[in-house]
Amino acid sequence: MKVIRVHKASSFFEKFLGLMFKREYTGCLLLEHCRSIHTFWMFFSIDLICLSGEGAVLAVKKTLQPWRVFCAPSGTQSIIECSAESSTIGDIAVGDSVTVEVV
C-alpha cells in the first residue's frame, strides 16, 4: 500500500480555487467528493489520481495541461492533484491501494 501526503481542500472556497492562479505548487491537494476538475487559470500542468471511497486507484492522468477539463471514472470519490513537475505520483497505477495522509 502506498502513502500519499496531501493538503486537504476543506471548504467550498478551497475546492473552488484549487490550484488556480498559483505559479507553482510542490505538494499534493486532496479534493474530496469530486468527480471532475478543470485547469482553467492554471500556470502549470498537473498529475491526477482518482480514488474510490476505499482508497483504490481508479484512474491516473499524467501531465494534464492548463485550460483542460478532466472527468473522473464512475465510482470516484476524491481526486488528488499534484504538480506534474514535482509530482509524487511515481509508479502509482490503476488498481493500486493508496493511503492518504493529510498534512
N, C-alpha and C. Protein backbone atom coordinates (compact mmCIF):
# COMPACT_ATOMS: atom_id res chain seq x y z
N MET A 1 0.85 -1.18 0.00
CA MET A 1 0.00 0.00 0.00
C MET A 1 0.89 1.24 0.00
N LYS A 2 0.55 2.20 -0.83
CA LYS A 2 1.34 3.42 -0.95
C LYS A 2 0.69 4.54 -0.15
N VAL A 3 1.53 5.42 0.40
CA VAL A 3 1.06 6.55 1.19
C VAL A 3 1.34 7.83 0.41
N ILE A 4 0.31 8.68 0.29
CA ILE A 4 0.48 9.97 -0.36
C ILE A 4 0.14 11.05 0.66
N ARG A 5 1.09 11.96 0.86
CA ARG A 5 0.89 13.10 1.77
C ARG A 5 0.24 14.23 0.99
N VAL A 6 -0.86 14.75 1.53
CA VAL A 6 -1.64 15.77 0.82
C VAL A 6 -2.04 16.90 1.75
N HIS A 7 -2.36 18.02 1.15
CA HIS A 7 -3.08 19.10 1.81
C HIS A 7 -4.52 18.91 1.40
N LYS A 8 -5.45 19.13 2.31
CA LYS A 8 -6.86 18.89 2.02
C LYS A 8 -7.58 20.21 1.78
N ALA A 9 -8.30 20.29 0.67
CA ALA A 9 -9.16 21.43 0.40
C ALA A 9 -10.46 21.17 1.17
N SER A 10 -10.63 21.85 2.30
CA SER A 10 -11.74 21.54 3.22
C SER A 10 -13.03 22.29 2.89
N SER A 11 -12.92 23.55 2.58
CA SER A 11 -14.13 24.36 2.37
C SER A 11 -14.50 24.41 0.89
N PHE A 12 -15.71 24.87 0.64
CA PHE A 12 -16.15 25.05 -0.74
C PHE A 12 -15.20 25.99 -1.48
N PHE A 13 -14.80 27.07 -0.82
CA PHE A 13 -13.92 28.06 -1.45
C PHE A 13 -12.55 27.45 -1.78
N GLU A 14 -11.99 26.64 -0.87
CA GLU A 14 -10.70 25.99 -1.14
C GLU A 14 -10.82 25.03 -2.31
N LYS A 15 -11.92 24.30 -2.39
CA LYS A 15 -12.13 23.39 -3.51
C LYS A 15 -12.32 24.17 -4.81
N PHE A 16 -13.07 25.27 -4.73
CA PHE A 16 -13.31 26.09 -5.90
C PHE A 16 -12.00 26.64 -6.46
N LEU A 17 -11.14 27.16 -5.59
CA LEU A 17 -9.87 27.73 -6.03
C LEU A 17 -8.87 26.66 -6.45
N GLY A 18 -8.81 25.57 -5.69
CA GLY A 18 -7.84 24.51 -6.02
C GLY A 18 -6.45 25.08 -6.22
N LEU A 19 -5.87 24.83 -7.38
CA LEU A 19 -4.53 25.33 -7.70
C LEU A 19 -4.57 26.50 -8.70
N MET A 20 -5.77 27.05 -8.92
CA MET A 20 -5.88 28.19 -9.84
C MET A 20 -5.05 29.37 -9.35
N PHE A 21 -4.46 30.07 -10.27
CA PHE A 21 -3.71 31.30 -10.06
C PHE A 21 -2.37 31.10 -9.35
N LYS A 22 -2.03 29.89 -8.95
CA LYS A 22 -0.73 29.63 -8.33
C LYS A 22 0.32 29.52 -9.43
N ARG A 23 1.48 30.07 -9.18
CA ARG A 23 2.58 30.00 -10.15
C ARG A 23 3.33 28.68 -10.04
N GLU A 24 3.31 28.07 -8.85
CA GLU A 24 3.94 26.77 -8.63
C GLU A 24 3.31 26.13 -7.41
N TYR A 25 3.49 24.82 -7.29
CA TYR A 25 2.95 24.08 -6.15
C TYR A 25 3.78 22.82 -6.01
N THR A 26 4.28 22.57 -4.81
CA THR A 26 5.18 21.43 -4.64
C THR A 26 4.53 20.23 -3.97
N GLY A 27 3.36 20.39 -3.40
CA GLY A 27 2.71 19.28 -2.71
C GLY A 27 1.61 18.66 -3.55
N CYS A 28 0.71 17.99 -2.86
CA CYS A 28 -0.48 17.42 -3.50
C CYS A 28 -1.71 17.95 -2.78
N LEU A 29 -2.79 18.13 -3.52
CA LEU A 29 -4.03 18.67 -2.98
C LEU A 29 -5.13 17.64 -3.12
N LEU A 30 -5.82 17.36 -2.01
CA LEU A 30 -6.92 16.39 -2.00
C LEU A 30 -8.25 17.12 -2.15
N LEU A 31 -9.03 16.70 -3.13
CA LEU A 31 -10.38 17.22 -3.35
C LEU A 31 -11.36 16.08 -3.12
N GLU A 32 -12.01 16.07 -1.96
CA GLU A 32 -12.97 15.01 -1.66
C GLU A 32 -14.32 15.33 -2.29
N HIS A 33 -15.10 14.28 -2.53
CA HIS A 33 -16.43 14.40 -3.14
C HIS A 33 -16.33 15.18 -4.45
N CYS A 34 -15.38 14.77 -5.27
CA CYS A 34 -15.08 15.46 -6.52
C CYS A 34 -14.97 14.43 -7.62
N ARG A 35 -15.62 14.71 -8.75
CA ARG A 35 -15.57 13.76 -9.86
C ARG A 35 -15.08 14.37 -11.16
N SER A 36 -14.81 15.67 -11.14
CA SER A 36 -14.25 16.31 -12.32
C SER A 36 -13.47 17.55 -11.89
N ILE A 37 -12.51 17.92 -12.71
CA ILE A 37 -11.72 19.12 -12.43
C ILE A 37 -11.43 19.84 -13.74
N HIS A 38 -11.02 21.09 -13.62
CA HIS A 38 -10.56 21.84 -14.78
C HIS A 38 -9.23 22.49 -14.42
N THR A 39 -8.51 22.88 -15.44
CA THR A 39 -7.22 23.54 -15.21
C THR A 39 -7.24 24.96 -15.79
N PHE A 40 -8.42 25.56 -15.82
CA PHE A 40 -8.52 26.95 -16.26
C PHE A 40 -7.77 27.84 -15.27
N TRP A 41 -7.12 28.85 -15.76
CA TRP A 41 -6.37 29.82 -14.95
C TRP A 41 -5.24 29.17 -14.15
N MET A 42 -4.72 28.08 -14.65
CA MET A 42 -3.56 27.45 -14.02
C MET A 42 -2.32 27.72 -14.89
N PHE A 43 -1.16 27.77 -14.25
CA PHE A 43 0.07 28.12 -14.95
C PHE A 43 1.02 26.94 -15.13
N PHE A 44 0.59 25.75 -14.74
CA PHE A 44 1.45 24.57 -14.86
C PHE A 44 0.58 23.33 -15.05
N SER A 45 1.18 22.28 -15.58
CA SER A 45 0.49 21.00 -15.76
C SER A 45 0.40 20.27 -14.43
N ILE A 46 -0.61 19.40 -14.30
CA ILE A 46 -0.79 18.63 -13.07
C ILE A 46 -0.95 17.15 -13.39
N ASP A 47 -0.65 16.34 -12.39
CA ASP A 47 -0.93 14.90 -12.42
C ASP A 47 -2.12 14.66 -11.50
N LEU A 48 -2.97 13.70 -11.85
CA LEU A 48 -4.17 13.40 -11.08
C LEU A 48 -4.23 11.93 -10.70
N ILE A 49 -4.77 11.68 -9.51
CA ILE A 49 -5.10 10.32 -9.09
C ILE A 49 -6.56 10.33 -8.67
N CYS A 50 -7.36 9.46 -9.24
CA CYS A 50 -8.77 9.32 -8.88
C CYS A 50 -8.91 8.13 -7.95
N LEU A 51 -9.55 8.37 -6.79
CA LEU A 51 -9.67 7.33 -5.77
C LEU A 51 -11.12 6.97 -5.48
N SER A 52 -11.34 5.70 -5.19
CA SER A 52 -12.64 5.26 -4.69
C SER A 52 -12.72 5.60 -3.21
N GLY A 53 -13.84 5.37 -2.60
CA GLY A 53 -14.01 5.61 -1.17
C GLY A 53 -13.13 4.72 -0.32
N GLU A 54 -12.69 3.60 -0.85
CA GLU A 54 -11.84 2.66 -0.12
C GLU A 54 -10.35 2.88 -0.37
N GLY A 55 -10.01 3.86 -1.21
CA GLY A 55 -8.61 4.15 -1.48
C GLY A 55 -8.04 3.41 -2.68
N ALA A 56 -8.89 2.79 -3.48
CA ALA A 56 -8.42 2.11 -4.69
C ALA A 56 -8.21 3.15 -5.80
N VAL A 57 -7.13 3.03 -6.53
CA VAL A 57 -6.84 3.94 -7.63
C VAL A 57 -7.69 3.53 -8.83
N LEU A 58 -8.57 4.43 -9.26
CA LEU A 58 -9.46 4.16 -10.39
C LEU A 58 -8.92 4.73 -11.70
N ALA A 59 -8.11 5.79 -11.60
CA ALA A 59 -7.52 6.38 -12.80
C ALA A 59 -6.30 7.21 -12.40
N VAL A 60 -5.35 7.29 -13.31
CA VAL A 60 -4.18 8.16 -13.16
C VAL A 60 -4.06 8.94 -14.46
N LYS A 61 -3.99 10.24 -14.34
CA LYS A 61 -3.81 11.11 -15.51
C LYS A 61 -2.56 11.93 -15.29
N LYS A 62 -1.58 11.75 -16.16
CA LYS A 62 -0.32 12.48 -16.02
C LYS A 62 -0.28 13.65 -17.00
N THR A 63 0.27 14.73 -16.53
CA THR A 63 0.54 15.94 -17.32
C THR A 63 -0.72 16.50 -17.99
N LEU A 64 -1.74 16.76 -17.19
CA LEU A 64 -2.91 17.47 -17.68
C LEU A 64 -2.55 18.94 -17.79
N GLN A 65 -2.56 19.46 -18.99
CA GLN A 65 -2.10 20.82 -19.24
C GLN A 65 -3.16 21.86 -18.87
N PRO A 66 -2.73 23.12 -18.70
CA PRO A 66 -3.68 24.20 -18.42
C PRO A 66 -4.76 24.31 -19.51
N TRP A 67 -5.93 24.77 -19.09
CA TRP A 67 -7.08 25.01 -19.94
C TRP A 67 -7.69 23.71 -20.48
N ARG A 68 -7.72 22.71 -19.61
CA ARG A 68 -8.33 21.42 -19.96
C ARG A 68 -9.39 21.05 -18.90
N VAL A 69 -10.24 20.09 -19.25
CA VAL A 69 -11.25 19.55 -18.34
C VAL A 69 -11.01 18.05 -18.24
N PHE A 70 -11.17 17.51 -17.03
CA PHE A 70 -11.00 16.07 -16.81
C PHE A 70 -12.20 15.55 -16.05
N CYS A 71 -12.83 14.51 -16.56
CA CYS A 71 -13.95 13.84 -15.88
C CYS A 71 -13.46 12.49 -15.39
N ALA A 72 -13.62 12.25 -14.11
CA ALA A 72 -13.14 11.02 -13.48
C ALA A 72 -14.09 9.86 -13.81
N PRO A 73 -13.57 8.63 -13.70
CA PRO A 73 -14.43 7.47 -13.97
C PRO A 73 -15.48 7.27 -12.88
N SER A 74 -16.48 6.49 -13.21
CA SER A 74 -17.54 6.17 -12.27
C SER A 74 -16.95 5.56 -10.99
N GLY A 75 -17.48 5.93 -9.86
CA GLY A 75 -17.02 5.40 -8.58
C GLY A 75 -15.99 6.28 -7.89
N THR A 76 -15.52 7.32 -8.57
CA THR A 76 -14.53 8.22 -7.97
C THR A 76 -15.16 9.02 -6.84
N GLN A 77 -14.50 9.03 -5.68
CA GLN A 77 -14.95 9.80 -4.53
C GLN A 77 -14.06 11.01 -4.27
N SER A 78 -12.80 10.93 -4.69
CA SER A 78 -11.88 12.05 -4.48
C SER A 78 -10.80 12.04 -5.56
N ILE A 79 -10.23 13.23 -5.75
CA ILE A 79 -9.16 13.40 -6.73
C ILE A 79 -7.99 14.07 -6.03
N ILE A 80 -6.79 13.57 -6.30
CA ILE A 80 -5.57 14.19 -5.79
C ILE A 80 -4.88 14.89 -6.96
N GLU A 81 -4.57 16.17 -6.77
CA GLU A 81 -3.86 16.96 -7.77
C GLU A 81 -2.44 17.20 -7.29
N CYS A 82 -1.47 16.98 -8.16
CA CYS A 82 -0.06 17.25 -7.86
C CYS A 82 0.56 17.96 -9.06
N SER A 83 1.50 18.84 -8.81
CA SER A 83 2.23 19.47 -9.91
C SER A 83 2.94 18.38 -10.70
N ALA A 84 2.83 18.44 -12.02
CA ALA A 84 3.47 17.43 -12.86
C ALA A 84 4.99 17.49 -12.76
N GLU A 85 5.53 18.68 -12.52
CA GLU A 85 6.98 18.83 -12.44
C GLU A 85 7.57 18.25 -11.17
N SER A 86 6.83 18.30 -10.08
CA SER A 86 7.36 17.79 -8.81
C SER A 86 6.48 16.68 -8.28
N SER A 87 5.83 15.98 -9.18
CA SER A 87 4.83 15.01 -8.78
C SER A 87 5.40 13.86 -7.95
N THR A 88 4.62 13.47 -6.97
CA THR A 88 4.98 12.33 -6.14
C THR A 88 4.20 11.08 -6.55
N ILE A 89 3.53 11.16 -7.69
CA ILE A 89 2.73 10.02 -8.15
C ILE A 89 3.61 8.82 -8.44
N GLY A 90 4.76 9.05 -9.05
CA GLY A 90 5.70 7.97 -9.31
C GLY A 90 5.09 6.84 -10.10
N ASP A 91 5.14 5.64 -9.53
CA ASP A 91 4.67 4.45 -10.24
C ASP A 91 3.28 4.00 -9.81
N ILE A 92 2.49 4.90 -9.25
CA ILE A 92 1.11 4.54 -8.86
C ILE A 92 0.31 4.24 -10.12
N ALA A 93 -0.44 3.14 -10.08
CA ALA A 93 -1.18 2.69 -11.25
C ALA A 93 -2.60 2.31 -10.86
N VAL A 94 -3.46 2.22 -11.85
CA VAL A 94 -4.83 1.79 -11.64
C VAL A 94 -4.82 0.43 -10.96
N GLY A 95 -5.65 0.28 -9.93
CA GLY A 95 -5.73 -0.96 -9.17
C GLY A 95 -4.94 -0.96 -7.89
N ASP A 96 -3.97 -0.04 -7.76
CA ASP A 96 -3.19 0.08 -6.51
C ASP A 96 -4.11 0.55 -5.38
N SER A 97 -3.69 0.26 -4.16
CA SER A 97 -4.37 0.81 -2.97
C SER A 97 -3.49 1.92 -2.42
N VAL A 98 -4.15 3.02 -2.05
CA VAL A 98 -3.43 4.20 -1.58
C VAL A 98 -3.99 4.64 -0.23
N THR A 99 -3.10 5.02 0.66
CA THR A 99 -3.49 5.64 1.91
C THR A 99 -3.17 7.12 1.81
N VAL A 100 -4.15 7.96 2.12
CA VAL A 100 -3.98 9.40 2.05
C VAL A 100 -3.67 9.92 3.45
N GLU A 101 -2.54 10.62 3.57
CA GLU A 101 -2.13 11.22 4.85
C GLU A 101 -2.23 12.73 4.72
N VAL A 102 -3.17 13.34 5.47
CA VAL A 102 -3.36 14.79 5.41
C VAL A 102 -2.33 15.46 6.31
N VAL A 103 -1.61 16.44 5.73
CA VAL A 103 -0.60 17.18 6.49
C VAL A 103 -1.03 18.61 6.72
